[in-house]
PDB file of N, CA and C in Angstrom:
ATOM      1  N   MET A   1      27.155 -24.267  -6.658  1.00  0.00           N
ATOM      2  CA  MET A   1      25.843 -24.839  -6.345  1.00  0.00           C
ATOM      3  C   MET A   1      25.115 -23.885  -5.401  1.00  0.00           C
ATOM      4  N   THR A   2      23.901 -23.543  -5.720  1.00  0.00           N
ATOM      5  CA  THR A   2      23.113 -22.651  -4.946  1.00  0.00           C
ATOM      6  C   THR A   2      22.392 -23.445  -3.865  1.00  0.00           C
ATOM      7  N   ARG A   3      22.471 -22.936  -2.636  1.00  0.00           N
ATOM      8  CA  ARG A   3      21.714 -23.540  -1.544  1.00  0.00           C
ATOM      9  C   ARG A   3      20.389 -22.914  -1.439  1.00  0.00           C
ATOM     10  N   ARG A   4      19.346 -23.727  -1.406  1.00  0.00           N
ATOM     11  CA  ARG A   4      17.949 -23.272  -1.338  1.00  0.00           C
ATOM     12  C   ARG A   4      17.576 -23.060   0.144  1.00  0.00           C
ATOM     13  N   HIS A   5      16.916 -22.035   0.395  1.00  0.00           N
ATOM     14  CA  HIS A   5      16.480 -21.758   1.768  1.00  0.00           C
ATOM     15  C   HIS A   5      14.972 -22.067   1.871  1.00  0.00           C
ATOM     16  N   VAL A   6      14.621 -22.795   2.874  1.00  0.00           N
ATOM     17  CA  VAL A   6      13.259 -23.115   3.098  1.00  0.00           C
ATOM     18  C   VAL A   6      12.780 -22.372   4.370  1.00  0.00           C
ATOM     19  N   LEU A   7      11.665 -21.603   4.277  1.00  0.00           N
ATOM     20  CA  LEU A   7      11.156 -20.915   5.380  1.00  0.00           C
ATOM     21  C   LEU A   7      10.290 -21.760   6.222  1.00  0.00           C
ATOM     22  N   THR A   8      10.375 -21.555   7.564  1.00  0.00           N
ATOM     23  CA  THR A   8       9.502 -22.280   8.437  1.00  0.00           C
ATOM     24  C   THR A   8       8.155 -21.556   8.504  1.00  0.00           C
ATOM     25  N   GLU A   9       7.161 -22.243   9.083  1.00  0.00           N
ATOM     26  CA  GLU A   9       5.835 -21.616   9.167  1.00  0.00           C
ATOM     27  C   GLU A   9       5.899 -20.345  10.044  1.00  0.00           C
ATOM     28  N   ARG A  10       6.678 -20.314  11.054  1.00  0.00           N
ATOM     29  CA  ARG A  10       6.842 -19.134  11.920  1.00  0.00           C
ATOM     30  C   ARG A  10       7.419 -18.016  11.145  1.00  0.00           C
ATOM     31  N   GLN A  11       8.456 -18.293  10.349  1.00  0.00           N
ATOM     32  CA  GLN A  11       9.046 -17.174   9.491  1.00  0.00           C
ATOM     33  C   GLN A  11       8.011 -16.652   8.474  1.00  0.00           C
ATOM     34  N   ARG A  12       7.288 -17.483   7.940  1.00  0.00           N
ATOM     35  CA  ARG A  12       6.178 -17.020   7.009  1.00  0.00           C
ATOM     36  C   ARG A  12       5.152 -16.103   7.746  1.00  0.00           C
ATOM     37  N   ALA A  13       4.813 -16.558   8.964  1.00  0.00           N
ATOM     38  CA  ALA A  13       3.791 -15.790   9.757  1.00  0.00           C
ATOM     39  C   ALA A  13       4.397 -14.430  10.080  1.00  0.00           C
ATOM     40  N   GLU A  14       5.740 -14.347  10.290  1.00  0.00           N
ATOM     41  CA  GLU A  14       6.314 -13.066  10.651  1.00  0.00           C
ATOM     42  C   GLU A  14       6.600 -12.217   9.415  1.00  0.00           C
ATOM     43  N   GLY A  15       6.319 -12.763   8.270  1.00  0.00           N
ATOM     44  CA  GLY A  15       6.520 -11.967   7.064  1.00  0.00           C
ATOM     45  C   GLY A  15       7.920 -12.029   6.501  1.00  0.00           C
ATOM     46  N   VAL A  16       8.704 -12.973   6.959  1.00  0.00           N
ATOM     47  CA  VAL A  16      10.102 -13.105   6.460  1.00  0.00           C
ATOM     48  C   VAL A  16      10.055 -13.584   5.018  1.00  0.00           C
ATOM     49  N   SER A  17      10.900 -12.958   4.197  1.00  0.00           N
ATOM     50  CA  SER A  17      10.941 -13.372   2.734  1.00  0.00           C
ATOM     51  C   SER A  17      12.196 -14.147   2.532  1.00  0.00           C
ATOM     52  N   GLN A  18      12.364 -14.639   1.287  1.00  0.00           N
ATOM     53  CA  GLN A  18      13.539 -15.324   0.948  1.00  0.00           C
ATOM     54  C   GLN A  18      14.785 -14.418   1.136  1.00  0.00           C
ATOM     55  N   PRO A  19      15.987 -15.011   1.420  1.00  0.00           N
ATOM     56  CA  PRO A  19      17.124 -14.150   1.492  1.00  0.00           C
ATOM     57  C   PRO A  19      17.361 -13.321   0.254  1.00  0.00           C
ATOM     58  N   HIS A  20      18.051 -12.126   0.428  1.00  0.00           N
ATOM     59  CA  HIS A  20      18.255 -11.226  -0.689  1.00  0.00           C
ATOM     60  C   HIS A  20      19.156 -11.883  -1.774  1.00  0.00           C
ATOM     61  N   SER A  21      19.979 -12.743  -1.444  1.00  0.00           N
ATOM     62  CA  SER A  21      20.954 -13.305  -2.401  1.00  0.00           C
ATOM     63  C   SER A  21      20.148 -14.173  -3.533  1.00  0.00           C
ATOM     64  N   GLU A  22      19.026 -14.603  -3.233  1.00  0.00           N
ATOM     65  CA  GLU A  22      18.267 -15.452  -4.143  1.00  0.00           C
ATOM     66  C   GLU A  22      17.367 -14.618  -5.107  1.00  0.00           C
ATOM     67  N   GLN A  23      17.101 -13.423  -4.769  1.00  0.00           N
ATOM     68  CA  GLN A  23      16.287 -12.554  -5.603  1.00  0.00           C
ATOM     69  C   GLN A  23      17.075 -11.306  -6.068  1.00  0.00           C
ATOM     70  N   SER A  24      16.989 -11.030  -7.364  1.00  0.00           N
ATOM     71  CA  SER A  24      17.597  -9.847  -7.831  1.00  0.00           C
ATOM     72  C   SER A  24      16.715  -8.614  -7.509  1.00  0.00           C
ATOM     73  N   LEU A  25      17.308  -7.454  -7.565  1.00  0.00           N
ATOM     74  CA  LEU A  25      16.531  -6.264  -7.302  1.00  0.00           C
ATOM     75  C   LEU A  25      15.390  -6.060  -8.354  1.00  0.00           C
ATOM     76  N   MET A  26      15.780  -6.366  -9.619  1.00  0.00           N
ATOM     77  CA  MET A  26      14.817  -6.230 -10.707  1.00  0.00           C
ATOM     78  C   MET A  26      13.659  -7.218 -10.526  1.00  0.00           C
ATOM     79  N   ARG A  27      13.976  -8.393 -10.139  1.00  0.00           N
ATOM     80  CA  ARG A  27      12.925  -9.438  -9.946  1.00  0.00           C
ATOM     81  C   ARG A  27      11.980  -9.017  -8.809  1.00  0.00           C
ATOM     82  N   SER A  28      12.550  -8.496  -7.707  1.00  0.00           N
ATOM     83  CA  SER A  28      11.765  -8.076  -6.572  1.00  0.00           C
ATOM     84  C   SER A  28      10.907  -6.916  -6.972  1.00  0.00           C
ATOM     85  N   PHE A  29      11.431  -5.971  -7.711  1.00  0.00           N
ATOM     86  CA  PHE A  29      10.705  -4.817  -8.179  1.00  0.00           C
ATOM     87  C   PHE A  29       9.562  -5.221  -9.098  1.00  0.00           C
ATOM     88  N   SER A  30       9.850  -6.062 -10.053  1.00  0.00           N
ATOM     89  CA  SER A  30       8.749  -6.505 -11.001  1.00  0.00           C
ATOM     90  C   SER A  30       7.673  -7.261 -10.314  1.00  0.00           C
ATOM     91  N   TYR A  31       8.054  -8.045  -9.339  1.00  0.00           N
ATOM     92  CA  TYR A  31       7.038  -8.834  -8.581  1.00  0.00           C
ATOM     93  C   TYR A  31       6.169  -7.871  -7.800  1.00  0.00           C
ATOM     94  N   ALA A  32       6.748  -6.903  -7.111  1.00  0.00           N
ATOM     95  CA  ALA A  32       5.939  -5.891  -6.368  1.00  0.00           C
ATOM     96  C   ALA A  32       5.110  -5.059  -7.306  1.00  0.00           C
ATOM     97  N   PHE A  33       5.692  -4.642  -8.434  1.00  0.00           N
ATOM     98  CA  PHE A  33       4.976  -3.790  -9.390  1.00  0.00           C
ATOM     99  C   PHE A  33       3.688  -4.524  -9.920  1.00  0.00           C
ATOM    100  N   MET A  34       3.880  -5.760 -10.345  1.00  0.00           N
ATOM    101  CA  MET A  34       2.727  -6.561 -10.877  1.00  0.00           C
ATOM    102  C   MET A  34       1.678  -6.779  -9.780  1.00  0.00           C
ATOM    103  N   THR A  35       2.131  -6.998  -8.575  1.00  0.00           N
ATOM    104  CA  THR A  35       1.157  -7.176  -7.463  1.00  0.00           C
ATOM    105  C   THR A  35       0.339  -5.861  -7.296  1.00  0.00           C
ATOM    106  N   GLN A  36       0.977  -4.755  -7.277  1.00  0.00           N
ATOM    107  CA  GLN A  36       0.263  -3.472  -7.099  1.00  0.00           C
ATOM    108  C   GLN A  36      -0.612  -3.128  -8.318  1.00  0.00           C
ATOM    109  N   ILE A  37      -0.163  -3.426  -9.526  1.00  0.00           N
ATOM    110  CA  ILE A  37      -0.992  -3.099 -10.645  1.00  0.00           C
ATOM    111  C   ILE A  37      -2.212  -3.999 -10.757  1.00  0.00           C
ATOM    112  N   ASN A  38      -2.110  -5.219 -10.285  1.00  0.00           N
ATOM    113  CA  ASN A  38      -3.200  -6.126 -10.330  1.00  0.00           C
ATOM    114  C   ASN A  38      -4.123  -5.976  -9.154  1.00  0.00           C
ATOM    115  N   ASN A  39      -3.895  -5.081  -8.279  1.00  0.00           N
ATOM    116  CA  ASN A  39      -4.712  -4.861  -7.079  1.00  0.00           C
ATOM    117  C   ASN A  39      -5.495  -3.599  -7.256  1.00  0.00           C
ATOM    118  N   PRO A  40      -6.860  -3.709  -7.478  1.00  0.00           N
ATOM    119  CA  PRO A  40      -7.698  -2.557  -7.805  1.00  0.00           C
ATOM    120  C   PRO A  40      -7.988  -1.707  -6.540  1.00  0.00           C
ATOM    121  N   LYS A  41      -7.586  -2.157  -5.354  1.00  0.00           N
ATOM    122  CA  LYS A  41      -7.956  -1.442  -4.146  1.00  0.00           C
ATOM    123  C   LYS A  41      -7.535   0.005  -4.191  1.00  0.00           C
ATOM    124  N   ALA A  42      -6.325   0.224  -4.538  1.00  0.00           N
ATOM    125  CA  ALA A  42      -5.732   1.591  -4.502  1.00  0.00           C
ATOM    126  C   ALA A  42      -6.565   2.517  -5.450  1.00  0.00           C
ATOM    127  N   ALA A  43      -6.875   2.027  -6.624  1.00  0.00           N
ATOM    128  CA  ALA A  43      -7.612   2.856  -7.590  1.00  0.00           C
ATOM    129  C   ALA A  43      -9.033   3.163  -6.964  1.00  0.00           C
ATOM    130  N   LEU A  44      -9.617   2.150  -6.405  1.00  0.00           N
ATOM    131  CA  LEU A  44     -10.954   2.375  -5.819  1.00  0.00           C
ATOM    132  C   LEU A  44     -10.964   3.286  -4.672  1.00  0.00           C
ATOM    133  N   ILE A  45      -9.956   3.190  -3.835  1.00  0.00           N
ATOM    134  CA  ILE A  45      -9.853   4.076  -2.663  1.00  0.00           C
ATOM    135  C   ILE A  45      -9.619   5.560  -3.170  1.00  0.00           C
ATOM    136  N   TYR A  46      -8.680   5.717  -4.049  1.00  0.00           N
ATOM    137  CA  TYR A  46      -8.424   7.087  -4.639  1.00  0.00           C
ATOM    138  C   TYR A  46      -9.703   7.596  -5.271  1.00  0.00           C
ATOM    139  N   SER A  47     -10.379   6.797  -6.006  1.00  0.00           N
ATOM    140  CA  SER A  47     -11.657   7.239  -6.699  1.00  0.00           C
ATOM    141  C   SER A  47     -12.654   7.718  -5.644  1.00  0.00           C
ATOM    142  N   GLY A  48     -12.783   6.985  -4.591  1.00  0.00           N
ATOM    143  CA  GLY A  48     -13.766   7.315  -3.504  1.00  0.00           C
ATOM    144  C   GLY A  48     -13.384   8.585  -2.829  1.00  0.00           C
ATOM    145  N   VAL A  49     -12.043   8.747  -2.489  1.00  0.00           N
ATOM    146  CA  VAL A  49     -11.615   9.964  -1.789  1.00  0.00           C
ATOM    147  C   VAL A  49     -11.762  11.203  -2.704  1.00  0.00           C
ATOM    148  N   PHE A  50     -11.447  11.015  -4.039  1.00  0.00           N
ATOM    149  CA  PHE A  50     -11.574  12.156  -4.909  1.00  0.00           C
ATOM    150  C   PHE A  50     -13.033  12.466  -5.091  1.00  0.00           C
ATOM    151  N   ALA A  51     -13.867  11.502  -5.199  1.00  0.00           N
ATOM    152  CA  ALA A  51     -15.393  11.758  -5.345  1.00  0.00           C
ATOM    153  C   ALA A  51     -15.906  12.586  -4.159  1.00  0.00           C
ATOM    154  N   VAL A  52     -15.354  12.378  -2.946  1.00  0.00           N
ATOM    155  CA  VAL A  52     -15.836  13.040  -1.794  1.00  0.00           C
ATOM    156  C   VAL A  52     -15.160  14.428  -1.662  1.00  0.00           C
ATOM    157  N   PHE A  53     -13.921  14.538  -1.854  1.00  0.00           N
ATOM    158  CA  PHE A  53     -13.165  15.805  -1.504  1.00  0.00           C
ATOM    159  C   PHE A  53     -12.859  16.635  -2.702  1.00  0.00           C
ATOM    160  N   MET A  54     -12.795  16.231  -3.924  1.00  0.00           N
ATOM    161  CA  MET A  54     -12.394  17.112  -5.011  1.00  0.00           C
ATOM    162  C   MET A  54     -13.571  17.984  -5.430  1.00  0.00           C
ATOM    163  N   PRO A  55     -13.330  19.271  -5.631  1.00  0.00           N
ATOM    164  CA  PRO A  55     -14.355  20.128  -6.114  1.00  0.00           C
ATOM    165  C   PRO A  55     -14.788  19.772  -7.481  1.00  0.00           C
ATOM    166  N   ALA A  56     -16.050  20.083  -7.777  1.00  0.00           N
ATOM    167  CA  ALA A  56     -16.641  19.675  -9.112  1.00  0.00           C
ATOM    168  C   ALA A  56     -15.927  20.435 -10.269  1.00  0.00           C
ATOM    169  N   GLU A  57     -15.534  21.675  -9.983  1.00  0.00           N
ATOM    170  CA  GLU A  57     -14.899  22.409 -11.034  1.00  0.00           C
ATOM    171  C   GLU A  57     -13.432  22.677 -10.692  1.00  0.00           C
ATOM    172  N   THR A  58     -12.571  22.131 -11.511  1.00  0.00           N
ATOM    173  CA  THR A  58     -11.102  22.313 -11.327  1.00  0.00           C
ATOM    174  C   THR A  58     -10.520  22.760 -12.643  1.00  0.00           C
ATOM    175  N   SER A  59      -9.329  23.370 -12.569  1.00  0.00           N
ATOM    176  CA  SER A  59      -8.657  23.689 -13.818  1.00  0.00           C
ATOM    177  C   SER A  59      -8.181  22.454 -14.513  1.00  0.00           C
ATOM    178  N   ILE A  60      -7.845  22.608 -15.843  1.00  0.00           N
ATOM    179  CA  ILE A  60      -7.462  21.546 -16.695  1.00  0.00           C
ATOM    180  C   ILE A  60      -6.135  20.970 -16.180  1.00  0.00           C
ATOM    181  N   TRP A  61      -5.268  21.800 -15.579  1.00  0.00           N
ATOM    182  CA  TRP A  61      -3.954  21.385 -15.170  1.00  0.00           C
ATOM    183  C   TRP A  61      -3.952  20.533 -13.925  1.00  0.00           C
ATOM    184  N   PHE A  62      -4.991  20.722 -13.075  1.00  0.00           N
ATOM    185  CA  PHE A  62      -5.049  19.952 -11.835  1.00  0.00           C
ATOM    186  C   PHE A  62      -5.009  18.442 -12.005  1.00  0.00           C
ATOM    187  N   PRO A  63      -5.847  17.830 -12.843  1.00  0.00           N
ATOM    188  CA  PRO A  63      -5.760  16.401 -13.086  1.00  0.00           C
ATOM    189  C   PRO A  63      -4.455  15.990 -13.727  1.00  0.00           C
ATOM    190  N   ALA A  64      -3.841  16.795 -14.520  1.00  0.00           N
ATOM    191  CA  ALA A  64      -2.575  16.498 -15.168  1.00  0.00           C
ATOM    192  C   ALA A  64      -1.466  16.482 -14.151  1.00  0.00           C
ATOM    193  N   LEU A  65      -1.497  17.303 -13.174  1.00  0.00           N
ATOM    194  CA  LEU A  65      -0.485  17.314 -12.100  1.00  0.00           C
ATOM    195  C   LEU A  65      -0.799  16.257 -10.979  1.00  0.00           C
ATOM    196  N   LEU A  66      -2.037  15.887 -10.871  1.00  0.00           N
ATOM    197  CA  LEU A  66      -2.438  14.973  -9.789  1.00  0.00           C
ATOM    198  C   LEU A  66      -1.788  13.623  -9.981  1.00  0.00           C
ATOM    199  N   LEU A  67      -1.768  13.031 -11.181  1.00  0.00           N
ATOM    200  CA  LEU A  67      -1.256  11.740 -11.400  1.00  0.00           C
ATOM    201  C   LEU A  67       0.179  11.632 -11.073  1.00  0.00           C
ATOM    202  N   PRO A  68       1.086  12.498 -11.558  1.00  0.00           N
ATOM    203  CA  PRO A  68       2.520  12.394 -11.124  1.00  0.00           C
ATOM    204  C   PRO A  68       2.695  12.635  -9.631  1.00  0.00           C
ATOM    205  N   ALA A  69       1.889  13.514  -9.030  1.00  0.00           N
ATOM    206  CA  ALA A  69       1.931  13.728  -7.575  1.00  0.00           C
ATOM    207  C   ALA A  69       1.537  12.434  -6.847  1.00  0.00           C
ATOM    208  N   LEU A  70       0.527  11.772  -7.241  1.00  0.00           N
ATOM    209  CA  LEU A  70       0.180  10.507  -6.614  1.00  0.00           C
ATOM    210  C   LEU A  70       1.198   9.446  -6.799  1.00  0.00           C
ATOM    211  N   LEU A  71       1.766   9.402  -7.971  1.00  0.00           N
ATOM    212  CA  LEU A  71       2.845   8.385  -8.166  1.00  0.00           C
ATOM    213  C   LEU A  71       4.012   8.658  -7.237  1.00  0.00           C
ATOM    214  N   PHE A  72       4.384   9.907  -7.053  1.00  0.00           N
ATOM    215  CA  PHE A  72       5.438  10.267  -6.130  1.00  0.00           C
ATOM    216  C   PHE A  72       5.112   9.873  -4.717  1.00  0.00           C
ATOM    217  N   VAL A  73       3.907  10.288  -4.325  1.00  0.00           N
ATOM    218  CA  VAL A  73       3.486   9.935  -2.868  1.00  0.00           C
ATOM    219  C   VAL A  73       3.413   8.440  -2.656  1.00  0.00           C
ATOM    220  N   GLU A  74       2.800   7.674  -3.642  1.00  0.00           N
ATOM    221  CA  GLU A  74       2.716   6.232  -3.450  1.00  0.00           C
ATOM    222  C   GLU A  74       4.092   5.601  -3.389  1.00  0.00           C
ATOM    223  N   THR A  75       4.932   6.003  -4.272  1.00  0.00           N
ATOM    224  CA  THR A  75       6.303   5.427  -4.337  1.00  0.00           C
ATOM    225  C   THR A  75       7.035   5.663  -3.022  1.00  0.00           C
ATOM    226  N   GLY A  76       6.943   6.906  -2.580  1.00  0.00           N
ATOM    227  CA  GLY A  76       7.580   7.276  -1.328  1.00  0.00           C
ATOM    228  C   GLY A  76       7.030   6.498  -0.106  1.00  0.00           C
ATOM    229  N   TRP A  77       5.713   6.359  -0.095  1.00  0.00           N
ATOM    230  CA  TRP A  77       5.046   5.611   0.941  1.00  0.00           C
ATOM    231  C   TRP A  77       5.521   4.087   0.989  1.00  0.00           C
ATOM    232  N   TYR A  78       5.525   3.462  -0.133  1.00  0.00           N
ATOM    233  CA  TYR A  78       5.951   2.061  -0.196  1.00  0.00           C
ATOM    234  C   TYR A  78       7.423   1.881   0.094  1.00  0.00           C
ATOM    235  N   VAL A  79       8.269   2.836  -0.313  1.00  0.00           N
ATOM    236  CA  VAL A  79       9.685   2.780   0.064  1.00  0.00           C
ATOM    237  C   VAL A  79       9.826   2.897   1.589  1.00  0.00           C
ATOM    238  N   LEU A  80       9.116   3.831   2.141  1.00  0.00           N
ATOM    239  CA  LEU A  80       9.177   4.050   3.614  1.00  0.00           C
ATOM    240  C   LEU A  80       8.730   2.792   4.323  1.00  0.00           C
ATOM    241  N   VAL A  81       7.618   2.236   3.948  1.00  0.00           N
ATOM    242  CA  VAL A  81       7.066   1.039   4.550  1.00  0.00           C
ATOM    243  C   VAL A  81       8.032  -0.135   4.384  1.00  0.00           C
ATOM    244  N   ALA A  82       8.641  -0.301   3.232  1.00  0.00           N
ATOM    245  CA  ALA A  82       9.579  -1.433   3.013  1.00  0.00           C
ATOM    246  C   ALA A  82      10.802  -1.265   3.915  1.00  0.00           C
ATOM    247  N   CYS A  83      11.275  -0.025   3.968  1.00  0.00           N
ATOM    248  CA  CYS A  83      12.447   0.185   4.872  1.00  0.00           C
ATOM    249  C   CYS A  83      12.139  -0.097   6.355  1.00  0.00           C
ATOM    250  N   ALA A  84      10.963   0.441   6.711  1.00  0.00           N
ATOM    251  CA  ALA A  84      10.584   0.244   8.147  1.00  0.00           C
ATOM    252  C   ALA A  84      10.329  -1.153   8.462  1.00  0.00           C
ATOM    253  N   LEU A  85       9.650  -1.928   7.620  1.00  0.00           N
ATOM    254  CA  LEU A  85       9.364  -3.328   7.947  1.00  0.00           C
ATOM    255  C   LEU A  85      10.482  -4.319   7.648  1.00  0.00           C
ATOM    256  N   SER A  86      11.582  -3.780   7.118  1.00  0.00           N
ATOM    257  CA  SER A  86      12.744  -4.664   6.911  1.00  0.00           C
ATOM    258  C   SER A  86      13.464  -4.879   8.225  1.00  0.00           C
ATOM    259  N   VAL A  87      13.178  -4.083   9.245  1.00  0.00           N
ATOM    260  CA  VAL A  87      13.791  -4.204  10.566  1.00  0.00           C
ATOM    261  C   VAL A  87      12.839  -5.103  11.364  1.00  0.00           C
ATOM    262  N   ARG A  88      13.420  -6.158  12.010  1.00  0.00           N
ATOM    263  CA  ARG A  88      12.643  -7.173  12.675  1.00  0.00           C
ATOM    264  C   ARG A  88      11.775  -6.645  13.776  1.00  0.00           C
ATOM    265  N   ALA A  89      12.297  -5.699  14.559  1.00  0.00           N
ATOM    266  CA  ALA A  89      11.541  -5.167  15.679  1.00  0.00           C
ATOM    267  C   ALA A  89      10.322  -4.370  15.204  1.00  0.00           C
ATOM    268  N   SER A  90      10.463  -3.537  14.219  1.00  0.00           N
ATOM    269  CA  SER A  90       9.239  -2.842  13.706  1.00  0.00           C
ATOM    270  C   SER A  90       8.277  -3.739  12.983  1.00  0.00           C
ATOM    271  N   ARG A  91       8.717  -4.790  12.363  1.00  0.00           N
ATOM    272  CA  ARG A  91       7.872  -5.811  11.679  1.00  0.00           C
ATOM    273  C   ARG A  91       7.042  -6.478  12.729  1.00  0.00           C
ATOM    274  N   GLN A  92       7.679  -6.911  13.820  1.00  0.00           N
ATOM    275  CA  GLN A  92       6.934  -7.590  14.933  1.00  0.00           C
ATOM    276  C   GLN A  92       5.909  -6.735  15.600  1.00  0.00           C
ATOM    277  N   MET A  93       6.316  -5.425  15.782  1.00  0.00           N
ATOM    278  CA  MET A  93       5.361  -4.511  16.370  1.00  0.00           C
ATOM    279  C   MET A  93       4.195  -4.286  15.469  1.00  0.00           C
ATOM    280  N   TYR A  94       4.440  -4.209  14.164  1.00  0.00           N
ATOM    281  CA  TYR A  94       3.329  -4.033  13.239  1.00  0.00           C
ATOM    282  C   TYR A  94       2.442  -5.256  13.240  1.00  0.00           C
ATOM    283  N   LEU A  95       2.994  -6.429  13.252  1.00  0.00           N
ATOM    284  CA  LEU A  95       2.175  -7.688  13.218  1.00  0.00           C
ATOM    285  C   LEU A  95       1.328  -7.808  14.499  1.00  0.00           C
ATOM    286  N   LYS A  96       1.853  -7.266  15.620  1.00  0.00           N
ATOM    287  CA  LYS A  96       1.065  -7.303  16.868  1.00  0.00           C
ATOM    288  C   LYS A  96      -0.159  -6.347  16.793  1.00  0.00           C
ATOM    289  N   SER A  97       0.062  -5.173  16.153  1.00  0.00           N
ATOM    290  CA  SER A  97      -0.998  -4.196  16.143  1.00  0.00           C
ATOM    291  C   SER A  97      -1.809  -4.180  14.858  1.00  0.00           C
ATOM    292  N   LYS A  98      -1.576  -5.102  13.948  1.00  0.00           N
ATOM    293  CA  LYS A  98      -2.203  -5.109  12.649  1.00  0.00           C
ATOM    294  C   LYS A  98      -3.691  -5.111  12.729  1.00  0.00           C
ATOM    295  N   SER A  99      -4.238  -5.824  13.644  1.00  0.00           N
ATOM    296  CA  SER A  99      -5.741  -5.900  13.694  1.00  0.00           C
ATOM    297  C   SER A  99      -6.332  -4.503  14.011  1.00  0.00           C
ATOM    298  N   TRP A 100      -5.693  -3.804  14.927  1.00  0.00           N
ATOM    299  CA  TRP A 100      -6.189  -2.500  15.277  1.00  0.00           C
ATOM    300  C   TRP A 100      -5.920  -1.461  14.121  1.00  0.00           C
ATOM    301  N   ILE A 101      -4.852  -1.546  13.437  1.00  0.00           N
ATOM    302  CA  ILE A 101      -4.619  -0.739  12.361  1.00  0.00           C
ATOM    303  C   ILE A 101      -5.688  -0.911  11.265  1.00  0.00           C
ATOM    304  N   ASP A 102      -6.001  -2.203  10.944  1.00  0.00           N
ATOM    305  CA  ASP A 102      -7.025  -2.530   9.974  1.00  0.00           C
ATOM    306  C   ASP A 102      -8.404  -2.054  10.408  1.00  0.00           C
ATOM    307  N   ARG A 103      -8.727  -2.135  11.709  1.00  0.00           N
ATOM    308  CA  ARG A 103     -10.025  -1.632  12.183  1.00  0.00           C
ATOM    309  C   ARG A 103     -10.167  -0.126  12.024  1.00  0.00           C
ATOM    310  N   ILE A 104      -9.044   0.575  12.341  1.00  0.00           N
ATOM    311  CA  ILE A 104      -9.075   2.022  12.245  1.00  0.00           C
ATOM    312  C   ILE A 104      -9.200   2.450  10.806  1.00  0.00           C
ATOM    313  N   ALA A 105      -8.424   1.803   9.938  1.00  0.00           N
ATOM    314  CA  ALA A 105      -8.472   2.138   8.501  1.00  0.00           C
ATOM    315  C   ALA A 105      -9.867   1.793   7.927  1.00  0.00           C
ATOM    316  N   GLY A 106     -10.494   0.689   8.374  1.00  0.00           N
ATOM    317  CA  GLY A 106     -11.792   0.317   7.877  1.00  0.00           C
ATOM    318  C   GLY A 106     -12.815   1.328   8.361  1.00  0.00           C
ATOM    319  N   GLY A 107     -12.706   1.841   9.603  1.00  0.00           N
ATOM    320  CA  GLY A 107     -13.586   2.848  10.157  1.00  0.00           C
ATOM    321  C   GLY A 107     -13.477   4.114   9.409  1.00  0.00           C
ATOM    322  N   LEU A 108     -12.253   4.532   9.025  1.00  0.00           N
ATOM    323  CA  LEU A 108     -12.020   5.782   8.228  1.00  0.00           C
ATOM    324  C   LEU A 108     -12.687   5.588   6.839  1.00  0.00           C
ATOM    325  N   MET A 109     -12.617   4.432   6.250  1.00  0.00           N
ATOM    326  CA  MET A 109     -13.217   4.217   4.917  1.00  0.00           C
ATOM    327  C   MET A 109     -14.704   4.218   5.069  1.00  0.00           C
ATOM    328  N   GLY A 110     -15.236   3.666   6.147  1.00  0.00           N
ATOM    329  CA  GLY A 110     -16.659   3.745   6.390  1.00  0.00           C
ATOM    330  C   GLY A 110     -17.188   5.155   6.521  1.00  0.00           C
ATOM    331  N   VAL A 111     -16.454   5.999   7.266  1.00  0.00           N
ATOM    332  CA  VAL A 111     -16.811   7.410   7.423  1.00  0.00           C
ATOM    333  C   VAL A 111     -16.806   8.122   6.076  1.00  0.00           C
ATOM    334  N   LEU A 112     -15.786   7.850   5.305  1.00  0.00           N
ATOM    335  CA  LEU A 112     -15.736   8.439   3.910  1.00  0.00           C
ATOM    336  C   LEU A 112     -16.949   7.979   3.069  1.00  0.00           C
ATOM    337  N   GLY A 113     -17.290   6.726   3.213  1.00  0.00           N
ATOM    338  CA  GLY A 113     -18.450   6.164   2.454  1.00  0.00           C
ATOM    339  C   GLY A 113     -19.782   6.825   2.919  1.00  0.00           C
ATOM    340  N   ILE A 114     -19.917   7.035   4.196  1.00  0.00           N
ATOM    341  CA  ILE A 114     -21.114   7.725   4.677  1.00  0.00           C
ATOM    342  C   ILE A 114     -21.144   9.157   4.231  1.00  0.00           C
ATOM    343  N   LYS A 115     -20.021   9.852   4.249  1.00  0.00           N
ATOM    344  CA  LYS A 115     -19.950  11.218   3.779  1.00  0.00           C
ATOM    345  C   LYS A 115     -20.324  11.260   2.230  1.00  0.00           C
ATOM    346  N   LEU A 116     -19.850  10.306   1.560  1.00  0.00           N
ATOM    347  CA  LEU A 116     -20.189  10.280   0.095  1.00  0.00           C
ATOM    348  C   LEU A 116     -21.678  10.038  -0.092  1.00  0.00           C
ATOM    349  N   LEU A 117     -22.321   9.089   0.671  1.00  0.00           N
ATOM    350  CA  LEU A 117     -23.702   8.821   0.554  1.00  0.00           C
ATOM    351  C   LEU A 117     -24.635  10.028   0.952  1.00  0.00           C
ATOM    352  N   THR A 118     -24.155  10.768   1.926  1.00  0.00           N
ATOM    353  CA  THR A 118     -24.881  11.877   2.408  1.00  0.00           C
ATOM    354  C   THR A 118     -24.640  13.199   1.735  1.00  0.00           C
ATOM    355  N   SER A 119     -23.696  13.253   0.874  1.00  0.00           N
ATOM    356  CA  SER A 119     -23.329  14.537   0.214  1.00  0.00           C
ATOM    357  C   SER A 119     -24.312  14.793  -0.883  1.00  0.00           C
ATOM    358  N   ASN A 120     -24.515  16.027  -1.182  1.00  0.00           N
ATOM    359  CA  ASN A 120     -25.412  16.519  -2.252  1.00  0.00           C
ATOM    360  C   ASN A 120     -24.617  16.475  -3.566  1.00  0.00           C
ATOM    361  N   ALA A 121     -25.051  15.604  -4.425  1.00  0.00           N
ATOM    362  CA  ALA A 121     -24.432  15.386  -5.691  1.00  0.00           C
ATOM    363  C   ALA A 121     -25.043  16.124  -6.800  1.00  0.00           C
TER     364      ALA A 121
END
């Protein structure tokens, strides 16, 4: 008989997930993969950054190498974040400073947007 775990509101607020024994690795991976695929933010951010910083004329191989490189960087980043936030102390520190992290990231996106608007196209 499997014992079901119910999370408290505080655990949900801290970002605690269900215990590992109830989710298989494949199920966790597929859930995270579908979440990321259905989130257009990453594609929009990369499009904006490339529109600002990529030169107009590139070799034919550059875009072909760019996609695998981005896949590698994104995968590495999310693995790093998952490992770091699986530790309670680092997760609590992140949750305390989340609003400032969001403000700084929003400011950087705003600066990139202004650069895009003011660039000669």
